[in-house]
């Protein structure tokens, strides 16, 4: 399962409500890659820091990850997880704490690559 957005309610037992970053500064938007993942296969995470010269499209907070989640990306000097994956039952749940991950970069070719990588993930492919 792939989820992109701000969780307004906890609709799964392990999903917490979105927490925005208060008093955010430009450097807080810089993205750290914590783990490799098929969704970012062959992509530089720096592509997502700005869209058309503006920072903040990627994420401005977190859907707090559950204990045991694999942290994929973070912002605010690595202190705020943005993307994480959690195994449960016979599947996996991927959370991105921003809107439309496949439209964050401002570059159509990169967005298309992300979208295709998301489809690969949903099809059961792993790193």
PDB file of N, CA and C in Angstrom:
ATOM      1  N   UNK A   1       0.846  -1.163   0.000  1.00  0.00           N
ATOM      2  CA  UNK A   1       0.000   0.000   0.000  1.00  0.00           C
ATOM      3  C   UNK A   1       0.898   1.234   0.000  1.00  0.00           C
ATOM      4  N   UNK A   2       0.499   2.261  -0.752  1.00  0.00           N
ATOM      5  CA  UNK A   2       1.235   3.516  -0.827  1.00  0.00           C
ATOM      6  C   UNK A   2       0.305   4.640  -0.375  1.00  0.00           C
ATOM      7  N   UNK A   3       0.780   5.466   0.547  1.00  0.00           N
ATOM      8  CA  UNK A   3      -0.004   6.598   1.049  1.00  0.00           C
ATOM      9  C   UNK A   3       0.826   7.869   0.931  1.00  0.00           C
ATOM     10  N   UNK A   4       0.254   8.885   0.311  1.00  0.00           N
ATOM     11  CA  UNK A   4       0.905  10.179   0.188  1.00  0.00           C
ATOM     12  C   UNK A   4      -0.070  11.239   0.681  1.00  0.00           C
ATOM     13  N   UNK A   5       0.296  11.927   1.748  1.00  0.00           N
ATOM     14  CA  UNK A   5      -0.565  12.975   2.269  1.00  0.00           C
ATOM     15  C   UNK A   5      -0.371  13.189   3.752  1.00  0.00           C
ATOM     16  N   UNK A   6      -1.186  14.075   4.297  1.00  0.00           N
ATOM     17  CA  UNK A   6      -1.169  14.392   5.720  1.00  0.00           C
ATOM     18  C   UNK A   6      -2.294  13.599   6.377  1.00  0.00           C
ATOM     19  N   UNK A   7      -1.943  12.653   7.217  1.00  0.00           N
ATOM     20  CA  UNK A   7      -2.959  11.834   7.891  1.00  0.00           C
ATOM     21  C   UNK A   7      -3.728  12.704   8.888  1.00  0.00           C
ATOM     22  N   UNK A   8      -4.996  12.938   8.600  1.00  0.00           N
ATOM     23  CA  UNK A   8      -5.836  13.752   9.484  1.00  0.00           C
ATOM     24  C   UNK A   8      -6.446  12.919  10.605  1.00  0.00           C
ATOM     25  N   UNK A   9      -6.599  11.618  10.344  1.00  0.00           N
ATOM     26  CA  UNK A   9      -7.090  10.680  11.357  1.00  0.00           C
ATOM     27  C   UNK A   9      -6.245   9.421  11.274  1.00  0.00           C
ATOM     28  N   UNK A  10      -6.214   8.693  12.341  1.00  0.00           N
ATOM     29  CA  UNK A  10      -5.463   7.442  12.375  1.00  0.00           C
ATOM     30  C   UNK A  10      -6.367   6.330  11.847  1.00  0.00           C
ATOM     31  N   UNK A  11      -6.326   6.104  10.522  1.00  0.00           N
ATOM     32  CA  UNK A  11      -7.205   5.116   9.915  1.00  0.00           C
ATOM     33  C   UNK A  11      -6.613   3.711   9.875  1.00  0.00           C
ATOM     34  N   UNK A  12      -5.384   3.569  10.349  1.00  0.00           N
ATOM     35  CA  UNK A  12      -4.741   2.272  10.552  1.00  0.00           C
ATOM     36  C   UNK A  12      -4.126   2.292  11.949  1.00  0.00           C
ATOM     37  N   UNK A  13      -4.064   1.149  12.591  1.00  0.00           N
ATOM     38  CA  UNK A  13      -3.591   1.103  13.982  1.00  0.00           C
ATOM     39  C   UNK A  13      -2.187   1.675  14.168  1.00  0.00           C
ATOM     40  N   UNK A  14      -1.351   1.604  13.145  1.00  0.00           N
ATOM     41  CA  UNK A  14       0.037   2.060  13.268  1.00  0.00           C
ATOM     42  C   UNK A  14       0.280   3.445  12.667  1.00  0.00           C
ATOM     43  N   UNK A  15      -0.759   4.084  12.128  1.00  0.00           N
ATOM     44  CA  UNK A  15      -0.602   5.388  11.485  1.00  0.00           C
ATOM     45  C   UNK A  15      -1.046   6.499  12.432  1.00  0.00           C
ATOM     46  N   UNK A  16      -0.119   7.415  12.727  1.00  0.00           N
ATOM     47  CA  UNK A  16      -0.416   8.549  13.610  1.00  0.00           C
ATOM     48  C   UNK A  16      -0.775   9.782  12.792  1.00  0.00           C
ATOM     49  N   UNK A  17      -1.427  10.727  13.431  1.00  0.00           N
ATOM     50  CA  UNK A  17      -1.855  11.970  12.799  1.00  0.00           C
ATOM     51  C   UNK A  17      -0.648  12.839  12.440  1.00  0.00           C
ATOM     52  N   UNK A  18      -0.736  13.521  11.315  1.00  0.00           N
ATOM     53  CA  UNK A  18       0.315  14.389  10.787  1.00  0.00           C
ATOM     54  C   UNK A  18       0.721  15.466  11.794  1.00  0.00           C
ATOM     55  N   UNK A  19       2.028  15.712  11.869  1.00  0.00           N
ATOM     56  CA  UNK A  19       2.596  16.743  12.740  1.00  0.00           C
ATOM     57  C   UNK A  19       3.409  17.719  11.898  1.00  0.00           C
ATOM     58  N   UNK A  20       2.946  18.963  11.726  1.00  0.00           N
ATOM     59  CA  UNK A  20       3.720  19.940  10.956  1.00  0.00           C
ATOM     60  C   UNK A  20       4.931  20.425  11.750  1.00  0.00           C
ATOM     61  N   UNK A  21       5.925  20.927  11.023  1.00  0.00           N
ATOM     62  CA  UNK A  21       7.090  21.541  11.662  1.00  0.00           C
ATOM     63  C   UNK A  21       6.736  22.994  11.951  1.00  0.00           C
ATOM     64  N   UNK A  22       6.960  23.426  13.161  1.00  0.00           N
ATOM     65  CA  UNK A  22       6.723  24.823  13.545  1.00  0.00           C
ATOM     66  C   UNK A  22       7.979  25.642  13.285  1.00  0.00           C
ATOM     67  N   UNK A  23       7.807  26.907  12.983  1.00  0.00           N
ATOM     68  CA  UNK A  23       8.922  27.833  12.768  1.00  0.00           C
ATOM     69  C   UNK A  23       9.932  27.285  11.766  1.00  0.00           C
ATOM     70  N   UNK A  24       9.461  26.824  10.638  1.00  0.00           N
ATOM     71  CA  UNK A  24      10.305  26.183   9.629  1.00  0.00           C
ATOM     72  C   UNK A  24      11.183  27.212   8.905  1.00  0.00           C
ATOM     73  N   UNK A  25      12.409  26.804   8.600  1.00  0.00           N
ATOM     74  CA  UNK A  25      13.382  27.642   7.898  1.00  0.00           C
ATOM     75  C   UNK A  25      13.790  26.937   6.604  1.00  0.00           C
ATOM     76  N   UNK A  26      14.367  27.659   5.686  1.00  0.00           N
ATOM     77  CA  UNK A  26      14.760  27.098   4.395  1.00  0.00           C
ATOM     78  C   UNK A  26      15.594  25.828   4.547  1.00  0.00           C
ATOM     79  N   UNK A  27      16.588  25.855   5.420  1.00  0.00           N
ATOM     80  CA  UNK A  27      17.463  24.683   5.568  1.00  0.00           C
ATOM     81  C   UNK A  27      16.715  23.463   6.120  1.00  0.00           C
ATOM     82  N   UNK A  28      15.564  23.669   6.748  1.00  0.00           N
ATOM     83  CA  UNK A  28      14.765  22.549   7.248  1.00  0.00           C
ATOM     84  C   UNK A  28      14.158  21.725   6.118  1.00  0.00           C
ATOM     85  N   UNK A  29      14.045  22.309   4.925  1.00  0.00           N
ATOM     86  CA  UNK A  29      13.477  21.603   3.774  1.00  0.00           C
ATOM     87  C   UNK A  29      14.477  20.694   3.076  1.00  0.00           C
ATOM     88  N   UNK A  30      15.769  20.819   3.395  1.00  0.00           N
ATOM     89  CA  UNK A  30      16.769  19.974   2.750  1.00  0.00           C
ATOM     90  C   UNK A  30      16.524  18.521   3.146  1.00  0.00           C
ATOM     91  N   UNK A  31      16.529  17.644   2.162  1.00  0.00           N
ATOM     92  CA  UNK A  31      16.144  16.241   2.363  1.00  0.00           C
ATOM     93  C   UNK A  31      17.369  15.361   2.592  1.00  0.00           C
ATOM     94  N   UNK A  32      17.257  14.474   3.572  1.00  0.00           N
ATOM     95  CA  UNK A  32      18.273  13.452   3.823  1.00  0.00           C
ATOM     96  C   UNK A  32      17.717  12.110   3.366  1.00  0.00           C
ATOM     97  N   UNK A  33      18.538  11.341   2.683  1.00  0.00           N
ATOM     98  CA  UNK A  33      18.161   9.981   2.298  1.00  0.00           C
ATOM     99  C   UNK A  33      18.709   9.056   3.369  1.00  0.00           C
ATOM    100  N   UNK A  34      17.818   8.392   4.095  1.00  0.00           N
ATOM    101  CA  UNK A  34      18.223   7.526   5.192  1.00  0.00           C
ATOM    102  C   UNK A  34      18.427   6.078   4.757  1.00  0.00           C
ATOM    103  N   UNK A  35      17.636   5.625   3.776  1.00  0.00           N
ATOM    104  CA  UNK A  35      17.705   4.244   3.296  1.00  0.00           C
ATOM    105  C   UNK A  35      17.391   4.203   1.810  1.00  0.00           C
ATOM    106  N   UNK A  36      17.969   3.244   1.127  1.00  0.00           N
ATOM    107  CA  UNK A  36      17.619   3.035  -0.278  1.00  0.00           C
ATOM    108  C   UNK A  36      16.214   2.456  -0.362  1.00  0.00           C
ATOM    109  N   UNK A  37      15.522   2.773  -1.451  1.00  0.00           N
ATOM    110  CA  UNK A  37      14.182   2.240  -1.678  1.00  0.00           C
ATOM    111  C   UNK A  37      13.888   2.301  -3.168  1.00  0.00           C
ATOM    112  N   UNK A  38      13.109   1.350  -3.653  1.00  0.00           N
ATOM    113  CA  UNK A  38      12.783   1.281  -5.076  1.00  0.00           C
ATOM    114  C   UNK A  38      12.109   2.558  -5.580  1.00  0.00           C
ATOM    115  N   UNK A  39      11.379   3.264  -4.733  1.00  0.00           N
ATOM    116  CA  UNK A  39      10.698   4.483  -5.171  1.00  0.00           C
ATOM    117  C   UNK A  39      11.697   5.558  -5.607  1.00  0.00           C
ATOM    118  N   UNK A  40      12.895   5.542  -5.047  1.00  0.00           N
ATOM    119  CA  UNK A  40      13.914   6.524  -5.416  1.00  0.00           C
ATOM    120  C   UNK A  40      15.027   5.905  -6.262  1.00  0.00           C
ATOM    121  N   UNK A  41      14.768   4.731  -6.826  1.00  0.00           N
ATOM    122  CA  UNK A  41      15.766   4.046  -7.647  1.00  0.00           C
ATOM    123  C   UNK A  41      16.184   4.938  -8.818  1.00  0.00           C
ATOM    124  N   UNK A  42      17.479   5.113  -8.991  1.00  0.00           N
ATOM    125  CA  UNK A  42      18.071   5.907 -10.074  1.00  0.00           C
ATOM    126  C   UNK A  42      17.698   7.390 -10.013  1.00  0.00           C
ATOM    127  N   UNK A  43      17.389   7.887  -8.832  1.00  0.00           N
ATOM    128  CA  UNK A  43      17.039   9.301  -8.658  1.00  0.00           C
ATOM    129  C   UNK A  43      17.876   9.922  -7.543  1.00  0.00           C
ATOM    130  N   UNK A  44      18.291  11.157  -7.744  1.00  0.00           N
ATOM    131  CA  UNK A  44      18.999  11.907  -6.716  1.00  0.00           C
ATOM    132  C   UNK A  44      17.951  12.613  -5.854  1.00  0.00           C
ATOM    133  N   UNK A  45      17.979  12.406  -4.554  1.00  0.00           N
ATOM    134  CA  UNK A  45      16.985  12.984  -3.645  1.00  0.00           C
ATOM    135  C   UNK A  45      16.964  14.516  -3.724  1.00  0.00           C
ATOM    136  N   UNK A  46      18.065  15.118  -4.153  1.00  0.00           N
ATOM    137  CA  UNK A  46      18.140  16.578  -4.262  1.00  0.00           C
ATOM    138  C   UNK A  46      17.162  17.128  -5.304  1.00  0.00           C
ATOM    139  N   UNK A  47      16.718  16.280  -6.253  1.00  0.00           N
ATOM    140  CA  UNK A  47      15.726  16.706  -7.251  1.00  0.00           C
ATOM    141  C   UNK A  47      14.430  17.172  -6.596  1.00  0.00           C
ATOM    142  N   UNK A  48      14.183  16.746  -5.377  1.00  0.00           N
ATOM    143  CA  UNK A  48      12.904  16.992  -4.725  1.00  0.00           C
ATOM    144  C   UNK A  48      12.922  18.162  -3.739  1.00  0.00           C
ATOM    145  N   UNK A  49      14.084  18.773  -3.555  1.00  0.00           N
ATOM    146  CA  UNK A  49      14.179  19.859  -2.576  1.00  0.00           C
ATOM    147  C   UNK A  49      13.499  21.144  -3.038  1.00  0.00           C
ATOM    148  N   UNK A  50      13.453  21.356  -4.340  1.00  0.00           N
ATOM    149  CA  UNK A  50      12.796  22.558  -4.858  1.00  0.00           C
ATOM    150  C   UNK A  50      12.005  22.196  -6.111  1.00  0.00           C
ATOM    151  N   UNK A  51      10.907  22.889  -6.293  1.00  0.00           N
ATOM    152  CA  UNK A  51      10.110  22.771  -7.503  1.00  0.00           C
ATOM    153  C   UNK A  51       9.952  24.179  -8.061  1.00  0.00           C
ATOM    154  N   UNK A  52      10.469  24.386  -9.269  1.00  0.00           N
ATOM    155  CA  UNK A  52      10.432  25.708  -9.902  1.00  0.00           C
ATOM    156  C   UNK A  52      11.062  26.767  -9.004  1.00  0.00           C
ATOM    157  N   UNK A  53      12.143  26.369  -8.304  1.00  0.00           N
ATOM    158  CA  UNK A  53      12.887  27.288  -7.457  1.00  0.00           C
ATOM    159  C   UNK A  53      12.328  27.514  -6.066  1.00  0.00           C
ATOM    160  N   UNK A  54      11.240  26.816  -5.719  1.00  0.00           N
ATOM    161  CA  UNK A  54      10.599  27.009  -4.421  1.00  0.00           C
ATOM    162  C   UNK A  54      10.741  25.737  -3.577  1.00  0.00           C
ATOM    163  N   UNK A  55      11.183  25.896  -2.335  1.00  0.00           N
ATOM    164  CA  UNK A  55      11.344  24.757  -1.422  1.00  0.00           C
ATOM    165  C   UNK A  55      10.050  24.497  -0.658  1.00  0.00           C
ATOM    166  N   UNK A  56       9.899  23.271  -0.169  1.00  0.00           N
ATOM    167  CA  UNK A  56       8.780  22.958   0.714  1.00  0.00           C
ATOM    168  C   UNK A  56       7.684  22.106   0.110  1.00  0.00           C
ATOM    169  N   UNK A  57       7.788  21.792  -1.177  1.00  0.00           N
ATOM    170  CA  UNK A  57       6.759  20.956  -1.792  1.00  0.00           C
ATOM    171  C   UNK A  57       6.845  19.511  -1.322  1.00  0.00           C
ATOM    172  N   UNK A  58       8.035  19.053  -1.007  1.00  0.00           N
ATOM    173  CA  UNK A  58       8.245  17.651  -0.642  1.00  0.00           C
ATOM    174  C   UNK A  58       7.546  17.300   0.658  1.00  0.00           C
ATOM    175  N   UNK A  59       7.784  18.077   1.689  1.00  0.00           N
ATOM    176  CA  UNK A  59       7.149  17.843   2.984  1.00  0.00           C
ATOM    177  C   UNK A  59       7.411  19.019   3.904  1.00  0.00           C
ATOM    178  N   UNK A  60       6.482  19.221   4.833  1.00  0.00           N
ATOM    179  CA  UNK A  60       6.612  20.276   5.842  1.00  0.00           C
ATOM    180  C   UNK A  60       6.345  19.717   7.235  1.00  0.00           C
ATOM    181  N   UNK A  61       6.475  18.392   7.356  1.00  0.00           N
ATOM    182  CA  UNK A  61       6.222  17.739   8.634  1.00  0.00           C
ATOM    183  C   UNK A  61       6.278  16.229   8.477  1.00  0.00           C
ATOM    184  N   UNK A  62       5.602  15.533   9.377  1.00  0.00           N
ATOM    185  CA  UNK A  62       5.669  14.066   9.353  1.00  0.00           C
ATOM    186  C   UNK A  62       4.346  13.423   9.741  1.00  0.00           C
ATOM    187  N   UNK A  63       4.131  12.248   9.177  1.00  0.00           N
ATOM    188  CA  UNK A  63       3.188  11.274   9.711  1.00  0.00           C
ATOM    189  C   UNK A  63       4.112  10.384  10.553  1.00  0.00           C
ATOM    190  N   UNK A  64       4.131  10.543  11.866  1.00  0.00           N
ATOM    191  CA  UNK A  64       5.127   9.839  12.680  1.00  0.00           C
ATOM    192  C   UNK A  64       5.171   8.337  12.388  1.00  0.00           C
ATOM    193  N   UNK A  65       6.368   7.812  12.151  1.00  0.00           N
ATOM    194  CA  UNK A  65       6.481   6.392  11.841  1.00  0.00           C
ATOM    195  C   UNK A  65       6.256   5.520  13.076  1.00  0.00           C
ATOM    196  N   UNK A  66       5.702   4.340  12.869  1.00  0.00           N
ATOM    197  CA  UNK A  66       5.545   3.425  13.997  1.00  0.00           C
ATOM    198  C   UNK A  66       6.899   2.798  14.354  1.00  0.00           C
ATOM    199  N   UNK A  67       6.976   2.262  15.540  1.00  0.00           N
ATOM    200  CA  UNK A  67       8.192   1.563  15.975  1.00  0.00           C
ATOM    201  C   UNK A  67       8.452   0.418  15.010  1.00  0.00           C
ATOM    202  N   UNK A  68       9.691   0.332  14.559  1.00  0.00           N
ATOM    203  CA  UNK A  68      10.085  -0.732  13.641  1.00  0.00           C
ATOM    204  C   UNK A  68       9.991  -0.358  12.176  1.00  0.00           C
ATOM    205  N   UNK A  69       9.528   0.850  11.866  1.00  0.00           N
ATOM    206  CA  UNK A  69       9.441   1.297  10.475  1.00  0.00           C
ATOM    207  C   UNK A  69      10.840   1.582   9.929  1.00  0.00           C
ATOM    208  N   UNK A  70      11.007   1.354   8.654  1.00  0.00           N
ATOM    209  CA  UNK A  70      12.250   1.691   7.955  1.00  0.00           C
ATOM    210  C   UNK A  70      12.114   3.132   7.479  1.00  0.00           C
ATOM    211  N   UNK A  71      12.984   4.018   7.939  1.00  0.00           N
ATOM    212  CA  UNK A  71      12.948   5.426   7.551  1.00  0.00           C
ATOM    213  C   UNK A  71      13.673   5.568   6.212  1.00  0.00           C
ATOM    214  N   UNK A  72      12.986   6.127   5.220  1.00  0.00           N
ATOM    215  CA  UNK A  72      13.548   6.275   3.881  1.00  0.00           C
ATOM    216  C   UNK A  72      14.145   7.671   3.698  1.00  0.00           C
ATOM    217  N   UNK A  73      13.377   8.714   4.015  1.00  0.00           N
ATOM    218  CA  UNK A  73      13.863  10.093   3.900  1.00  0.00           C
ATOM    219  C   UNK A  73      13.453  10.890   5.133  1.00  0.00           C
ATOM    220  N   UNK A  74      14.142  12.003   5.327  1.00  0.00           N
ATOM    221  CA  UNK A  74      13.810  12.906   6.430  1.00  0.00           C
ATOM    222  C   UNK A  74      14.184  14.331   6.042  1.00  0.00           C
ATOM    223  N   UNK A  75      13.653  15.272   6.794  1.00  0.00           N
ATOM    224  CA  UNK A  75      14.003  16.683   6.625  1.00  0.00           C
ATOM    225  C   UNK A  75      14.413  17.230   7.992  1.00  0.00           C
ATOM    226  N   UNK A  76      14.677  18.514   8.042  1.00  0.00           N
ATOM    227  CA  UNK A  76      15.115  19.195   9.270  1.00  0.00           C
ATOM    228  C   UNK A  76      16.335  18.502   9.885  1.00  0.00           C
ATOM    229  N   UNK A  77      17.388  18.439   9.057  1.00  0.00           N
ATOM    230  CA  UNK A  77      18.667  17.854   9.456  1.00  0.00           C
ATOM    231  C   UNK A  77      18.510  16.409   9.943  1.00  0.00           C
ATOM    232  N   UNK A  78      17.606  15.667   9.297  1.00  0.00           N
ATOM    233  CA  UNK A  78      17.423  14.260   9.614  1.00  0.00           C
ATOM    234  C   UNK A  78      16.537  13.976  10.801  1.00  0.00           C
ATOM    235  N   UNK A  79      15.971  15.004  11.419  1.00  0.00           N
ATOM    236  CA  UNK A  79      15.197  14.787  12.648  1.00  0.00           C
ATOM    237  C   UNK A  79      13.701  14.550  12.429  1.00  0.00           C
ATOM    238  N   UNK A  80      13.212  14.782  11.212  1.00  0.00           N
ATOM    239  CA  UNK A  80      11.784  14.610  10.933  1.00  0.00           C
ATOM    240  C   UNK A  80      11.612  13.618   9.778  1.00  0.00           C
ATOM    241  N   UNK A  81      11.194  12.383  10.061  1.00  0.00           N
ATOM    242  CA  UNK A  81      10.982  11.396   8.995  1.00  0.00           C
ATOM    243  C   UNK A  81       9.855  11.819   8.060  1.00  0.00           C
ATOM    244  N   UNK A  82      10.108  11.744   6.755  1.00  0.00           N
ATOM    245  CA  UNK A  82       9.082  12.098   5.758  1.00  0.00           C
ATOM    246  C   UNK A  82       8.517  10.862   5.085  1.00  0.00           C
ATOM    247  N   UNK A  83       9.395   9.964   4.697  1.00  0.00           N
ATOM    248  CA  UNK A  83       8.989   8.727   4.041  1.00  0.00           C
ATOM    249  C   UNK A  83       9.439   7.559   4.903  1.00  0.00           C
ATOM    250  N   UNK A  84       8.549   6.602   5.063  1.00  0.00           N
ATOM    251  CA  UNK A  84       8.884   5.397   5.812  1.00  0.00           C
ATOM    252  C   UNK A  84       8.079   4.227   5.275  1.00  0.00           C
ATOM    253  N   UNK A  85       8.597   3.041   5.554  1.00  0.00           N
ATOM    254  CA  UNK A  85       7.930   1.806   5.143  1.00  0.00           C
ATOM    255  C   UNK A  85       7.765   0.924   6.372  1.00  0.00           C
ATOM    256  N   UNK A  86       6.607   0.315   6.472  1.00  0.00           N
ATOM    257  CA  UNK A  86       6.296  -0.527   7.622  1.00  0.00           C
ATOM    258  C   UNK A  86       5.699  -1.842   7.122  1.00  0.00           C
ATOM    259  N   UNK A  87       6.278  -2.941   7.562  1.00  0.00           N
ATOM    260  CA  UNK A  87       5.745  -4.258   7.211  1.00  0.00           C
ATOM    261  C   UNK A  87       4.682  -4.658   8.215  1.00  0.00           C
ATOM    262  N   UNK A  88       3.569  -5.163   7.681  1.00  0.00           N
ATOM    263  CA  UNK A  88       2.507  -5.656   8.551  1.00  0.00           C
ATOM    264  C   UNK A  88       1.734  -6.736   7.795  1.00  0.00           C
ATOM    265  N   UNK A  89       1.259  -7.718   8.538  1.00  0.00           N
ATOM    266  CA  UNK A  89       0.568  -8.822   7.876  1.00  0.00           C
ATOM    267  C   UNK A  89       1.452  -9.422   6.804  1.00  0.00           C
ATOM    268  N   UNK A  90       0.897  -9.572   5.609  1.00  0.00           N
ATOM    269  CA  UNK A  90       1.660 -10.109   4.475  1.00  0.00           C
ATOM    270  C   UNK A  90       2.114  -9.013   3.513  1.00  0.00           C
ATOM    271  N   UNK A  91       2.004  -7.757   3.936  1.00  0.00           N
ATOM    272  CA  UNK A  91       2.337  -6.674   3.029  1.00  0.00           C
ATOM    273  C   UNK A  91       3.184  -5.590   3.647  1.00  0.00           C
ATOM    274  N   UNK A  92       3.263  -4.488   2.919  1.00  0.00           N
ATOM    275  CA  UNK A  92       4.039  -3.325   3.353  1.00  0.00           C
ATOM    276  C   UNK A  92       3.206  -2.068   3.138  1.00  0.00           C
ATOM    277  N   UNK A  93       3.436  -1.091   4.000  1.00  0.00           N
ATOM    278  CA  UNK A  93       2.781   0.210   3.918  1.00  0.00           C
ATOM    279  C   UNK A  93       3.871   1.249   3.747  1.00  0.00           C
ATOM    280  N   UNK A  94       3.779   2.064   2.693  1.00  0.00           N
ATOM    281  CA  UNK A  94       4.733   3.134   2.447  1.00  0.00           C
ATOM    282  C   UNK A  94       4.010   4.457   2.674  1.00  0.00           C
ATOM    283  N   UNK A  95       4.575   5.310   3.507  1.00  0.00           N
ATOM    284  CA  UNK A  95       3.975   6.615   3.792  1.00  0.00           C
ATOM    285  C   UNK A  95       4.909   7.737   3.360  1.00  0.00           C
ATOM    286  N   UNK A  96       4.334   8.713   2.646  1.00  0.00           N
ATOM    287  CA  UNK A  96       5.028   9.956   2.308  1.00  0.00           C
ATOM    288  C   UNK A  96       4.208  11.075   2.932  1.00  0.00           C
ATOM    289  N   UNK A  97       4.835  11.894   3.756  1.00  0.00           N
ATOM    290  CA  UNK A  97       4.106  12.924   4.511  1.00  0.00           C
ATOM    291  C   UNK A  97       4.017  14.257   3.780  1.00  0.00           C
ATOM    292  N   UNK A  98       3.766  14.183   2.499  1.00  0.00           N
ATOM    293  CA  UNK A  98       3.538  15.368   1.686  1.00  0.00           C
ATOM    294  C   UNK A  98       2.524  15.007   0.614  1.00  0.00           C
ATOM    295  N   UNK A  99       2.100  15.986  -0.139  1.00  0.00           N
ATOM    296  CA  UNK A  99       1.113  15.728  -1.185  1.00  0.00           C
ATOM    297  C   UNK A  99       1.786  15.324  -2.490  1.00  0.00           C
ATOM    298  N   UNK A 100       1.239  14.365  -3.155  1.00  0.00           N
ATOM    299  CA  UNK A 100       1.629  13.993  -4.519  1.00  0.00           C
ATOM    300  C   UNK A 100       3.130  13.851  -4.724  1.00  0.00           C
ATOM    301  N   UNK A 101       3.719  12.844  -4.135  1.00  0.00           N
ATOM    302  CA  UNK A 101       5.154  12.589  -4.276  1.00  0.00           C
ATOM    303  C   UNK A 101       5.581  12.584  -5.742  1.00  0.00           C
ATOM    304  N   UNK A 102       4.734  12.051  -6.613  1.00  0.00           N
ATOM    305  CA  UNK A 102       5.061  11.933  -8.037  1.00  0.00           C
ATOM    306  C   UNK A 102       4.947  13.273  -8.785  1.00  0.00           C
ATOM    307  N   UNK A 103       4.728  14.374  -8.068  1.00  0.00           N
ATOM    308  CA  UNK A 103       4.668  15.694  -8.705  1.00  0.00           C
ATOM    309  C   UNK A 103       5.520  16.726  -7.962  1.00  0.00           C
ATOM    310  N   UNK A 104       6.420  16.278  -7.103  1.00  0.00           N
ATOM    311  CA  UNK A 104       7.206  17.189  -6.251  1.00  0.00           C
ATOM    312  C   UNK A 104       8.378  17.862  -6.949  1.00  0.00           C
ATOM    313  N   UNK A 105       8.965  17.231  -7.927  1.00  0.00           N
ATOM    314  CA  UNK A 105      10.250  17.727  -8.413  1.00  0.00           C
ATOM    315  C   UNK A 105      10.168  18.925  -9.335  1.00  0.00           C
ATOM    316  N   UNK A 106       9.065  19.154 -10.016  1.00  0.00           N
ATOM    317  CA  UNK A 106       8.997  20.246 -10.976  1.00  0.00           C
ATOM    318  C   UNK A 106       9.560  19.862 -12.336  1.00  0.00           C
ATOM    319  N   UNK A 107      10.058  18.637 -12.470  1.00  0.00           N
ATOM    320  CA  UNK A 107      10.596  18.132 -13.730  1.00  0.00           C
ATOM    321  C   UNK A 107       9.744  16.931 -14.151  1.00  0.00           C
ATOM    322  N   UNK A 108       9.088  17.046 -15.284  1.00  0.00           N
ATOM    323  CA  UNK A 108       8.150  16.011 -15.729  1.00  0.00           C
ATOM    324  C   UNK A 108       8.799  14.633 -15.867  1.00  0.00           C
ATOM    325  N   UNK A 109      10.026  14.568 -16.370  1.00  0.00           N
ATOM    326  CA  UNK A 109      10.698  13.284 -16.549  1.00  0.00           C
ATOM    327  C   UNK A 109      10.980  12.614 -15.198  1.00  0.00           C
ATOM    328  N   UNK A 110      11.381  13.407 -14.216  1.00  0.00           N
ATOM    329  CA  UNK A 110      11.645  12.866 -12.875  1.00  0.00           C
ATOM    330  C   UNK A 110      10.338  12.410 -12.237  1.00  0.00           C
ATOM    331  N   UNK A 111       9.303  13.218 -12.362  1.00  0.00           N
ATOM    332  CA  UNK A 111       8.005  12.836 -11.797  1.00  0.00           C
ATOM    333  C   UNK A 111       7.487  11.537 -12.414  1.00  0.00           C
ATOM    334  N   UNK A 112       7.680  11.385 -13.714  1.00  0.00           N
ATOM    335  CA  UNK A 112       7.253  10.149 -14.390  1.00  0.00           C
ATOM    336  C   UNK A 112       8.040   8.952 -13.851  1.00  0.00           C
ATOM    337  N   UNK A 113       9.341   9.135 -13.626  1.00  0.00           N
ATOM    338  CA  UNK A 113      10.184   8.059 -13.083  1.00  0.00           C
ATOM    339  C   UNK A 113       9.710   7.668 -11.687  1.00  0.00           C
ATOM    340  N   UNK A 114       9.415   8.662 -10.840  1.00  0.00           N
ATOM    341  CA  UNK A 114       8.914   8.372  -9.488  1.00  0.00           C
ATOM    342  C   UNK A 114       7.599   7.599  -9.566  1.00  0.00           C
ATOM    343  N   UNK A 115       6.704   8.050 -10.423  1.00  0.00           N
ATOM    344  CA  UNK A 115       5.405   7.383 -10.569  1.00  0.00           C
ATOM    345  C   UNK A 115       5.595   5.934 -10.990  1.00  0.00           C
ATOM    346  N   UNK A 116       6.472   5.694 -11.962  1.00  0.00           N
ATOM    347  CA  UNK A 116       6.740   4.319 -12.400  1.00  0.00           C
ATOM    348  C   UNK A 116       7.371   3.491 -11.281  1.00  0.00           C
ATOM    349  N   UNK A 117       8.252   4.108 -10.488  1.00  0.00           N
ATOM    350  CA  UNK A 117       8.855   3.392  -9.357  1.00  0.00           C
ATOM    351  C   UNK A 117       7.804   3.048  -8.303  1.00  0.00           C
ATOM    352  N   UNK A 118       6.843   3.942  -8.085  1.00  0.00           N
ATOM    353  CA  UNK A 118       5.751   3.656  -7.149  1.00  0.00           C
ATOM    354  C   UNK A 118       4.956   2.451  -7.645  1.00  0.00           C
ATOM    355  N   UNK A 119       4.686   2.406  -8.944  1.00  0.00           N
ATOM    356  CA  UNK A 119       3.962   1.262  -9.515  1.00  0.00           C
ATOM    357  C   UNK A 119       4.752  -0.036  -9.340  1.00  0.00           C
ATOM    358  N   UNK A 120       6.071   0.035  -9.497  1.00  0.00           N
ATOM    359  CA  UNK A 120       6.908  -1.155  -9.262  1.00  0.00           C
ATOM    360  C   UNK A 120       6.793  -1.611  -7.809  1.00  0.00           C
ATOM    361  N   UNK A 121       6.840  -0.652  -6.884  1.00  0.00           N
ATOM    362  CA  UNK A 121       6.688  -0.984  -5.467  1.00  0.00           C
ATOM    363  C   UNK A 121       5.338  -1.651  -5.219  1.00  0.00           C
ATOM    364  N   UNK A 122       4.273  -1.077  -5.762  1.00  0.00           N
ATOM    365  CA  UNK A 122       2.930  -1.625  -5.572  1.00  0.00           C
ATOM    366  C   UNK A 122       2.784  -3.000  -6.216  1.00  0.00           C
ATOM    367  N   UNK A 123       3.610  -3.257  -7.230  1.00  0.00           N
ATOM    368  CA  UNK A 123       3.611  -4.563  -7.896  1.00  0.00           C
ATOM    369  C   UNK A 123       4.420  -5.609  -7.155  1.00  0.00           C
ATOM    370  N   UNK A 124       5.007  -5.227  -6.023  1.00  0.00           N
ATOM    371  CA  UNK A 124       5.726  -6.199  -5.204  1.00  0.00           C
ATOM    372  C   UNK A 124       7.219  -6.248  -5.396  1.00  0.00           C
ATOM    373  N   UNK A 125       7.772  -5.336  -6.191  1.00  0.00           N
ATOM    374  CA  UNK A 125       9.234  -5.320  -6.386  1.00  0.00           C
ATOM    375  C   UNK A 125       9.887  -4.617  -5.213  1.00  0.00           C
ATOM    376  N   UNK A 126      11.028  -5.101  -4.812  1.00  0.00           N
ATOM    377  CA  UNK A 126      11.831  -4.502  -3.743  1.00  0.00           C
ATOM    378  C   UNK A 126      13.189  -4.115  -4.300  1.00  0.00           C
ATOM    379  N   UNK A 127      13.975  -3.427  -3.483  1.00  0.00           N
ATOM    380  CA  UNK A 127      15.350  -3.073  -3.858  1.00  0.00           C
ATOM    381  C   UNK A 127      16.136  -4.317  -4.160  1.00  0.00           C
TER     382      UNK A 127
END
